[in-house]
Protein backbone atom coordinates (compact mmCIF):
# COMPACT_ATOMS: atom_id res chain seq x y z
CA MET A 1 17.31 44.07 12.32
CA LYS A 2 17.54 41.60 9.49
CA LYS A 3 19.17 39.11 11.45
CA LEU A 4 16.35 39.40 14.11
CA TYR A 5 13.69 38.99 11.20
CA LEU A 6 15.50 35.74 9.95
CA LEU A 7 15.53 34.35 13.56
CA LEU A 8 11.80 34.96 13.91
CA LEU A 9 10.82 33.46 10.44
CA SER A 10 13.04 30.37 11.43
CA ALA A 11 11.09 30.06 14.77
CA ILE A 12 7.73 30.23 13.03
CA MET A 13 8.72 27.91 10.32
CA GLY A 14 10.07 25.48 13.04
CA THR A 15 6.76 25.98 14.95
CA ALA A 16 4.74 25.33 11.83
CA ALA A 17 6.82 22.00 11.05
CA ASN A 18 6.21 20.60 14.62
CA ALA A 19 2.46 21.40 14.24
CA GLN A 20 2.46 18.86 11.46
CA THR A 21 3.88 16.15 13.69
CA TRP A 22 1.30 13.72 15.49
CA ASP A 23 1.16 14.48 19.37
CA GLY A 24 -0.41 11.22 20.16
CA THR A 25 -4.08 12.30 20.46
CA THR A 26 -7.00 11.50 18.42
CA ALA A 27 -9.45 13.75 16.60
CA ALA A 28 -12.52 13.10 14.33
CA TRP A 29 -12.24 14.05 10.73
CA THR A 30 -14.37 17.16 9.57
CA GLN A 31 -14.42 16.84 5.77
CA GLY A 32 -16.48 14.29 3.65
CA ASP A 33 -19.35 12.16 4.01
CA GLY A 34 -17.56 8.93 3.38
CA SER A 35 -19.09 8.37 -0.13
CA SER A 36 -16.79 7.43 -3.07
CA SER A 37 -17.16 10.97 -4.51
CA ASN A 38 -16.80 12.79 -1.32
CA PRO A 39 -14.57 10.67 0.98
CA TYR A 40 -13.65 11.40 4.46
CA LEU A 41 -10.60 13.30 4.45
CA ILE A 42 -7.57 12.31 6.81
CA GLU A 43 -5.81 15.59 6.97
CA ASN A 44 -3.23 14.84 10.10
CA GLY A 45 -2.05 12.16 12.42
CA GLN A 46 -4.96 12.82 14.79
CA HIS A 47 -7.53 11.57 12.19
CA LEU A 48 -5.61 8.47 11.63
CA ALA A 49 -5.66 7.65 15.11
CA TYR A 50 -9.36 8.30 15.43
CA LEU A 51 -9.50 5.82 12.57
CA SER A 52 -7.68 3.35 14.60
CA GLU A 53 -9.56 3.88 17.97
CA THR A 54 -12.95 3.67 16.19
CA VAL A 55 -12.19 0.40 14.23
CA ARG A 56 -10.79 -1.25 17.32
CA ASN A 57 -14.08 -0.28 19.15
CA GLY A 58 -15.96 -2.23 16.36
CA GLU A 59 -16.74 0.22 13.54
CA THR A 60 -16.12 -1.56 10.25
CA TYR A 61 -16.64 1.39 8.01
CA GLU A 62 -18.06 -1.03 5.34
CA GLY A 63 -18.91 0.61 2.24
CA LYS A 64 -17.38 4.09 3.31
CA TYR A 65 -14.45 5.94 1.82
CA PHE A 66 -11.15 7.47 2.99
CA LYS A 67 -8.60 9.84 1.52
CA LEU A 68 -5.40 11.08 2.96
CA THR A 69 -4.64 14.37 1.77
CA THR A 70 -1.00 14.84 2.78
CA ASP A 71 2.24 13.26 3.99
CA LEU A 72 1.94 12.46 7.70
CA ASP A 73 4.90 12.65 10.40
CA MET A 74 3.67 10.15 13.19
CA GLY A 75 5.93 11.41 15.83
CA ILE A 76 8.38 8.61 16.03
CA ASN A 77 11.12 11.21 17.29
CA ASP A 78 8.86 12.08 20.05
CA GLU A 79 8.33 8.50 20.96
CA GLN A 80 5.05 8.22 19.74
CA LYS A 81 3.67 4.76 19.22
CA PHE A 82 0.86 4.05 16.95
CA THR A 83 -1.79 1.10 17.63
CA PRO A 84 -2.73 -0.60 14.34
CA ILE A 85 -6.19 0.17 12.76
CA GLY A 86 -8.33 -2.97 13.73
CA PHE A 87 -7.48 -6.05 15.97
CA PHE A 88 -7.05 -9.42 14.47
CA ASP A 89 -8.46 -12.29 17.00
CA GLU A 90 -9.12 -15.47 14.98
CA TYR A 91 -8.52 -18.59 17.04
CA ILE A 92 -9.56 -22.10 17.61
CA ASP A 93 -12.21 -22.87 20.34
CA SER A 94 -9.93 -24.95 22.61
CA GLU A 95 -12.64 -25.09 25.22
CA ASN A 96 -15.18 -26.96 23.37
CA GLN A 97 -14.24 -30.06 21.40
CA GLY A 98 -14.97 -29.59 17.74
CA GLY A 99 -15.67 -25.82 18.47
CA GLY A 100 -13.71 -24.85 15.30
CA MET A 101 -12.47 -21.32 14.37
CA ILE A 102 -13.86 -18.42 16.33
CA ASP A 103 -13.19 -14.72 14.77
CA ASP A 104 -13.67 -12.02 17.13
CA SER A 105 -11.48 -9.67 14.93
CA LYS A 106 -12.34 -6.11 14.34
CA TYR A 107 -11.90 -5.82 10.68
CA PHE A 108 -11.43 -2.52 8.59
CA LEU A 109 -14.01 -3.17 5.76
CA GLY A 110 -13.71 0.44 4.00
CA VAL A 111 -11.64 1.77 1.23
CA PHE A 112 -8.58 3.87 2.03
CA ASP A 113 -6.88 5.87 -0.51
CA GLY A 114 -3.54 6.83 0.36
CA ASN A 115 -3.43 9.22 -2.64
CA TYR A 116 0.09 8.29 -3.36
CA LYS A 117 1.28 10.18 0.01
CA THR A 118 3.86 8.87 2.58
CA ILE A 119 3.28 8.01 6.14
CA ASP A 120 6.59 8.27 7.75
CA ASN A 121 8.10 8.40 11.29
CA ILE A 122 5.72 6.00 12.35
CA HIS A 123 6.12 3.34 15.06
CA VAL A 124 3.33 0.73 14.71
CA TYR A 125 3.34 -1.43 17.83
CA TYR A 126 1.14 -4.19 19.02
CA VAL A 127 2.10 -7.17 21.05
CA ASP A 128 -0.73 -9.73 21.43
CA PRO A 129 -1.74 -9.98 25.38
CA ASN A 130 -2.38 -13.44 24.95
CA PRO A 131 0.58 -14.76 23.18
CA GLU A 132 -0.25 -18.45 23.54
CA ASN A 133 -2.99 -17.89 21.09
CA GLY A 134 -0.39 -16.84 18.47
CA ILE A 135 -3.03 -14.78 16.63
CA GLY A 136 -0.83 -11.72 15.92
CA GLY A 137 -1.96 -9.01 13.37
CA THR A 138 0.58 -5.93 13.15
CA GLY A 139 0.62 -3.23 10.46
CA LEU A 140 -0.81 0.09 9.70
CA PHE A 141 -4.22 -1.99 9.42
CA ALA A 142 -4.11 -5.28 11.69
CA CYS A 143 -6.59 -6.91 9.62
CA ILE A 144 -8.96 -6.32 6.68
CA SER A 145 -11.51 -8.72 5.08
CA GLN A 146 -14.44 -8.86 2.43
CA ASN A 147 -14.30 -5.70 0.21
CA ALA A 148 -11.96 -3.60 2.02
CA GLU A 149 -9.30 -1.88 -0.10
CA ILE A 150 -6.01 -0.47 0.96
CA LYS A 151 -4.33 1.40 -2.19
CA ASN A 152 -1.92 4.25 -3.25
CA LEU A 153 0.00 4.51 0.15
CA ASN A 154 3.75 4.75 0.90
CA ILE A 155 5.36 3.77 4.34
CA GLY A 156 8.64 5.89 4.90
CA GLU A 157 12.06 4.63 5.75
CA ASN A 158 12.21 6.24 8.96
CA SER A 159 9.39 3.99 10.36
CA ILE A 160 9.24 0.93 12.46
CA ILE A 161 6.67 -2.02 12.32
CA GLU A 162 7.01 -3.86 15.42
CA GLY A 163 4.90 -7.23 16.01
CA ALA A 164 4.73 -11.05 16.03
CA ASP A 165 2.57 -13.31 13.99
CA ALA A 166 1.16 -11.93 10.83
CA THR A 167 3.18 -8.75 10.44
CA GLY A 168 3.49 -6.48 7.37
CA ALA A 169 3.94 -2.82 7.02
CA ILE A 170 0.63 -2.21 5.20
CA VAL A 171 -1.90 -4.92 6.64
CA GLY A 172 -0.94 -7.53 9.21
CA ALA A 173 -3.60 -10.21 8.34
CA MET A 174 -5.77 -10.28 5.24
CA ASN A 175 -8.75 -12.32 5.27
CA GLY A 176 -10.02 -11.02 1.72
CA GLY A 177 -9.88 -7.60 0.34
CA LYS A 178 -7.38 -5.93 -1.77
CA VAL A 179 -4.12 -4.12 -1.02
CA ILE A 180 -3.10 -2.18 -4.53
CA ASN A 181 -0.10 0.13 -5.15
CA CYS A 182 1.62 0.35 -2.06
CA SER A 183 5.24 0.54 -1.11
CA ASN A 184 7.39 -0.14 2.08
CA ASN A 185 10.57 1.19 3.28
CA ALA A 186 9.95 0.75 6.96
CA VAL A 187 11.81 -1.57 9.34
CA LEU A 188 10.15 -4.69 10.53
CA THR A 189 11.00 -5.92 13.75
CA ILE A 190 9.70 -9.43 14.56
CA MET A 191 9.63 -10.25 18.34
CA GLY A 192 9.41 -13.61 20.10
CA THR A 193 11.04 -16.85 19.04
CA GLY A 194 8.85 -18.46 16.58
CA PRO A 195 6.21 -16.02 14.93
CA THR A 196 4.80 -17.04 11.41
CA GLY A 197 4.11 -14.74 8.80
CA ALA A 198 6.03 -11.57 8.00
CA GLY A 199 6.20 -9.53 4.87
CA GLY A 200 6.96 -6.05 3.60
CA ILE A 201 3.51 -5.38 2.54
CA VAL A 202 1.24 -7.99 4.17
CA GLY A 203 2.03 -10.48 7.00
CA THR A 204 -0.32 -13.37 6.04
CA ASN A 205 -3.06 -13.41 3.21
CA ASN A 206 -5.31 -16.27 4.34
CA GLY A 207 -8.73 -15.34 2.90
CA GLY A 208 -8.31 -15.03 -0.65
CA GLY A 209 -7.32 -11.56 -0.94
CA THR A 210 -5.36 -9.68 -3.73
CA ILE A 211 -1.90 -8.04 -3.36
CA SER A 212 -1.34 -6.09 -6.71
CA GLY A 213 1.20 -3.32 -7.76
CA CYS A 214 3.36 -3.41 -4.66
CA SER A 215 6.83 -2.95 -3.71
CA ASN A 216 9.11 -3.53 -0.78
CA ASN A 217 12.54 -1.83 -0.49
CA THR A 218 13.74 -2.94 2.84
CA ASN A 219 15.47 -5.92 4.61
CA ILE A 220 13.18 -8.09 6.74
CA ASN A 221 14.30 -10.69 9.32
CA GLY A 222 11.63 -13.13 10.62
CA HIS A 223 11.33 -16.52 12.23
CA ASN A 224 8.98 -18.41 9.97
CA SER A 225 7.30 -17.81 6.33
CA VAL A 226 8.76 -14.50 5.44
CA GLY A 227 8.51 -12.76 2.14
CA GLY A 228 9.53 -9.52 0.49
CA ILE A 229 5.73 -8.85 -0.18
CA VAL A 230 3.94 -11.30 2.03
CA GLY A 231 4.83 -14.01 4.30
CA TYR A 232 2.09 -16.58 4.06
CA VAL A 233 -0.59 -16.95 1.57
CA ASP A 234 -3.26 -19.56 1.65
CA LYS A 235 -7.01 -19.81 0.46
CA SER A 236 -6.38 -18.84 -3.29
CA GLY A 237 -4.64 -15.44 -2.48
CA ILE A 238 -3.09 -13.65 -5.37
CA ILE A 239 0.14 -11.51 -5.63
CA GLU A 240 0.60 -9.80 -8.95
CA ASN A 241 2.73 -7.19 -10.41
CA CYS A 242 4.86 -6.93 -7.35
CA TYR A 243 8.87 -6.53 -6.81
CA ASN A 244 11.11 -6.73 -3.61
CA THR A 245 14.59 -5.26 -3.45
CA GLY A 246 15.29 -6.08 0.26
CA MET A 247 17.26 -9.10 1.70
CA ILE A 248 14.98 -11.76 3.25
CA THR A 249 16.25 -13.94 6.04
CA VAL A 250 14.70 -16.39 8.72
CA GLY A 251 15.54 -17.92 11.88
CA GLY A 252 13.32 -20.85 11.00
CA PHE A 253 11.62 -21.95 7.99
CA PHE A 254 10.34 -20.60 4.70
CA ALA A 255 11.93 -17.65 2.90
CA GLY A 256 11.30 -15.92 -0.37
CA GLY A 257 11.98 -12.71 -2.15
CA ILE A 258 8.09 -12.34 -2.94
CA CYS A 259 6.51 -15.01 -0.73
CA GLY A 260 7.81 -17.18 2.12
CA TYR A 261 5.05 -20.00 1.90
CA LEU A 262 2.53 -20.27 -0.79
CA THR A 263 0.25 -22.82 0.28
CA SER A 264 -2.68 -21.89 -2.03
CA GLY A 265 -3.02 -19.27 -4.86
CA THR A 266 -1.36 -17.35 -7.51
CA ALA A 267 2.03 -15.43 -8.14
CA LYS A 268 2.45 -13.91 -11.37
CA ASN A 269 4.27 -10.90 -13.25
CA CYS A 270 6.73 -10.47 -10.07
CA TYR A 271 10.64 -9.96 -9.45
CA THR A 272 13.04 -9.73 -6.82
CA THR A 273 16.59 -8.55 -6.66
CA GLY A 274 16.81 -9.08 -3.03
CA ASN A 275 19.50 -11.81 -1.54
CA VAL A 276 17.73 -14.75 -0.04
CA PRO A 277 20.59 -16.68 1.65
CA SER A 278 20.81 -20.18 0.31
CA ASP A 279 21.54 -21.78 3.82
CA GLY A 280 18.17 -21.50 5.15
CA ILE A 281 15.59 -24.09 5.46
CA PHE A 282 13.08 -24.06 2.34
CA ASN A 283 14.63 -20.79 1.26
CA GLN A 284 14.15 -19.94 -2.41
CA ALA A 285 14.64 -16.77 -4.51
CA VAL A 286 11.02 -15.89 -5.26
CA ILE A 287 8.71 -18.38 -3.29
CA GLY A 288 10.32 -19.92 -0.45
CA THR A 289 7.89 -22.96 -0.59
CA THR A 290 4.58 -24.33 -1.95
CA ASP A 291 2.06 -26.80 -1.61
CA THR A 292 0.24 -28.92 -4.44
CA GLY A 293 -1.98 -26.95 -6.82
CA VAL A 294 -0.42 -23.31 -6.65
CA SER A 295 0.35 -21.38 -9.89
CA ILE A 296 3.40 -19.35 -10.50
CA GLU A 297 3.54 -17.55 -13.61
CA ASN A 298 6.06 -15.25 -15.16
CA CYS A 299 8.18 -14.38 -12.07
CA TYR A 300 11.88 -13.73 -12.03
CA TYR A 301 14.93 -13.19 -9.82
CA LEU A 302 18.36 -11.69 -10.03
CA ASN A 303 21.37 -14.37 -10.19
CA ILE A 304 23.20 -13.47 -7.37
CA PRO A 305 26.37 -15.75 -6.59
CA ASN A 306 26.02 -18.04 -3.53
CA ALA A 307 22.54 -16.84 -2.76
CA ALA A 308 19.18 -19.12 -3.05
CA THR A 309 18.01 -20.15 -6.52
CA ASP A 310 14.54 -21.15 -7.36
CA GLU A 311 13.05 -24.35 -8.66
CA ASN A 312 9.67 -23.47 -9.02
CA PRO A 313 7.95 -23.66 -12.42
CA GLY A 314 7.22 -20.38 -13.82
CA VAL A 315 10.55 -18.76 -12.19
CA THR A 316 13.41 -17.66 -14.15
CA ALA A 317 16.94 -16.51 -13.25
CA LYS A 318 17.98 -13.30 -14.92
CA GLU A 319 21.29 -11.46 -15.00
CA GLU A 320 21.28 -7.61 -13.97
CA ALA A 321 21.79 -6.24 -17.52
CA ASP A 322 19.09 -8.27 -18.86
CA MET A 323 16.67 -6.98 -16.03
CA LYS A 324 17.37 -3.23 -17.07
CA THR A 325 16.25 -3.63 -20.61
CA GLU A 326 13.07 -2.67 -22.21
CA SER A 327 12.54 -6.19 -23.28
CA PHE A 328 12.29 -7.43 -19.69
CA VAL A 329 9.75 -4.65 -18.96
CA THR A 330 7.70 -6.29 -21.93
CA ASP A 331 7.85 -9.65 -20.30
CA LEU A 332 6.81 -8.33 -16.87
CA ASN A 333 3.97 -6.48 -18.52
CA ASN A 334 2.74 -9.74 -20.25
CA GLY A 335 0.17 -7.94 -22.09
CA GLN A 336 -0.51 -5.37 -19.47
CA ASN A 337 0.59 -1.62 -19.07
CA VAL A 338 1.58 -1.92 -15.33
CA TRP A 339 5.69 -1.72 -15.62
CA THR A 340 8.01 0.57 -16.92
CA ILE A 341 11.53 1.27 -17.28
CA ASP A 342 13.35 3.15 -14.63
CA SER A 343 14.00 6.33 -16.52
CA LYS A 344 14.60 8.42 -13.28
CA ASN A 345 16.77 5.95 -11.68
CA MET A 346 14.41 5.40 -8.76
CA ASN A 347 15.37 1.62 -8.38
CA GLN A 348 18.94 1.53 -9.67
CA GLY A 349 17.80 1.05 -13.10
CA PHE A 350 15.48 -2.13 -12.65
CA PRO A 351 11.73 -1.85 -13.68
CA VAL A 352 9.27 0.24 -11.47
CA LEU A 353 5.66 0.23 -11.46
CA SER A 354 4.01 2.73 -13.67
CA TRP A 355 2.25 4.35 -10.71
CA GLN A 356 5.78 5.13 -9.17
CA VAL A 357 6.57 7.38 -11.94
CA ASP A 358 3.36 9.10 -12.59
CA PRO A 359 0.53 8.28 -9.96
CA THR A 360 -2.09 10.11 -11.68
CA PRO A 361 -1.76 9.21 -15.30
CA VAL A 362 -3.58 11.33 -17.90
CA SER A 363 -6.38 9.64 -19.87
CA THR A 364 -6.76 12.30 -22.53
CA GLU A 365 -7.29 9.70 -25.26
CA SER A 366 -10.01 7.78 -23.40
CA ILE A 367 -11.74 11.31 -22.84
CA GLN A 368 -11.49 11.99 -26.67
CA GLU A 369 -12.99 8.74 -27.51
CA ALA A 370 -15.91 9.57 -25.21
CA ASN A 371 -16.50 13.02 -27.09
CA ILE A 372 -15.46 14.97 -23.95
CA ASN A 373 -13.15 18.17 -24.47
CA VAL A 374 -11.43 19.43 -21.32
CA TYR A 375 -9.07 22.50 -21.43
CA THR A 376 -8.31 25.72 -19.51
CA ILE A 377 -7.96 29.62 -20.52
CA GLY A 378 -6.70 31.57 -17.74
CA HIS A 379 -8.58 30.55 -14.46
CA ASN A 380 -11.28 29.12 -16.45
CA LEU A 381 -11.79 25.36 -16.76
CA TYR A 382 -14.04 24.23 -19.70
CA ILE A 383 -15.70 20.81 -19.89
CA GLN A 384 -17.37 20.03 -23.24
CA SER A 385 -19.37 17.09 -23.89
CA GLU A 386 -22.03 15.65 -26.01
CA THR A 387 -24.05 14.36 -23.28
CA SER A 388 -24.53 15.51 -19.44
CA CYS A 389 -21.50 14.13 -17.21
CA GLN A 390 -20.45 14.39 -13.49
CA ALA A 391 -17.47 16.50 -12.84
CA ILE A 392 -15.13 15.94 -9.72
CA ILE A 393 -12.51 18.31 -9.43
CA SER A 394 -9.65 17.92 -6.74
CA ASP A 395 -6.73 20.09 -5.79
CA ILE A 396 -3.33 18.54 -5.47
CA SER A 397 -4.12 17.78 -1.64
CA GLY A 398 -7.04 15.60 -2.66
CA LYS A 399 -9.56 18.14 -1.33
CA ILE A 400 -12.65 18.18 -3.61
CA ILE A 401 -13.37 21.75 -5.03
CA VAL A 402 -16.29 20.83 -7.51
CA ASN A 403 -18.67 17.88 -7.54
CA GLU A 404 -21.70 18.36 -9.63
CA ASN A 405 -23.54 17.51 -13.06
CA ILE A 406 -21.81 19.40 -15.72
CA ASP A 407 -23.43 20.47 -19.09
CA ASN A 408 -21.01 22.38 -21.17
CA LYS A 409 -20.49 24.67 -18.10
CA THR A 410 -17.47 27.01 -17.36
CA ILE A 411 -15.68 26.57 -13.72
CA THR A 412 -13.42 29.23 -12.49
CA LEU A 413 -10.49 27.87 -10.29
CA ASP A 414 -9.21 30.84 -8.36
CA ASN A 415 -5.90 29.33 -7.24
CA LYS A 416 -3.00 28.44 -9.20
CA GLY A 417 -1.76 24.83 -9.15
CA LEU A 418 -2.23 21.43 -10.47
CA TYR A 419 -5.96 20.09 -10.52
CA ILE A 420 -7.32 16.42 -11.16
CA VAL A 421 -10.57 16.43 -13.14
CA THR A 422 -12.51 13.19 -12.97
CA ILE A 423 -15.41 12.90 -15.39
CA LEU A 424 -18.19 10.36 -15.05
CA SER A 425 -20.16 9.79 -18.13
CA ASN A 426 -22.25 6.74 -19.18
CA GLY A 427 -20.87 4.53 -16.54
CA GLN A 428 -17.05 5.28 -17.37
CA LYS A 429 -14.60 7.33 -15.37
CA TYR A 430 -12.08 9.46 -17.06
CA ASN A 431 -9.28 11.12 -15.34
CA HIS A 432 -7.45 14.55 -16.68
CA LYS A 433 -4.78 16.70 -15.22
CA VAL A 434 -5.00 20.60 -15.61
CA ILE A 435 -2.71 23.29 -14.37
CA ILE A 436 -3.74 26.60 -13.58
CA LYS A 437 -0.84 29.33 -14.14
């Protein structure tokens, strides 16, 4: 009887696990109103696929907010393929003399908060039906622009990103916007004989966008303009506080541990430990090649025998032992509080980004400075403030439990667990973690 019970329990658990795997269908989200305080909640693969479908049909979601509530299994073991969110279609009007650039892209223009969750077992696949255009655009998001923001998101190691021009795990093509606190462990597969722009995080940043606080931890083999973080950067794009550990190789031109081709813009406070072979054309350890007027500041690479070096101003070679010291973390921070020592051995002792160690840092000191007191007794949460303030309380999944104005009010939290308390007061935002035992 006991054996039968265990078999039944295993079957039930197996069914529950399979229920979490994306089945290739779409379904509209049911939680949230798209505001910053009550974002649309992406709770499963069907919701993510619905986002892809609606953006490709022309909905930009400009000014709307999304939040991923859980890790997603996107069904690669069931041979599911995920079509990128959006569609990049920027090309030169060859039919009219002097016609200039035509942009028929379907951009995502909202804010997508990955909530420090992982999307894994995803096979992102898109091949341009008109390859002679060479427009590309493959990633979880095909393209973003303007005030779009993709943040706090991990792509798992059992994933494949398969594309041609402008291929990156998070975003294929940036024409503005921001990618913040994202990491990639997926395999990038670049098809064709001469695609341009492949990066662990972003394929091409061609519109002044910002890539900040990101890491790539997988090898990348592309054709032209290949980088651990981004392949190609133009129009004053920014790469800051990023690192790469993967090997970067090309079949053509321009490879770098951080960026393959920086034609215009800034790279600062970055490092790479990945091997960039020295026998490539315009290969360098950090930035493959540059044009006049770029800015490279406070960037470093691991000194690897027989690998590419880097002659760019603002780039320094380091030995492994030096890169694992607190003083190197101080150098990378450069007056910030972005980097931290690898105390948990997440990155073989090399520095990691603070969000990777603690994705929801407590700001108790800031709350105290604002004369706000947050504490718990049993299941009761107490928020004491000298002035009226707004409290947003979320559980660990990201679901909002409370969102209301608070005036020295007691809130009862029925369930045990970790809660994130966000206080909005006098135009400032403070985060605090509480545990109900």
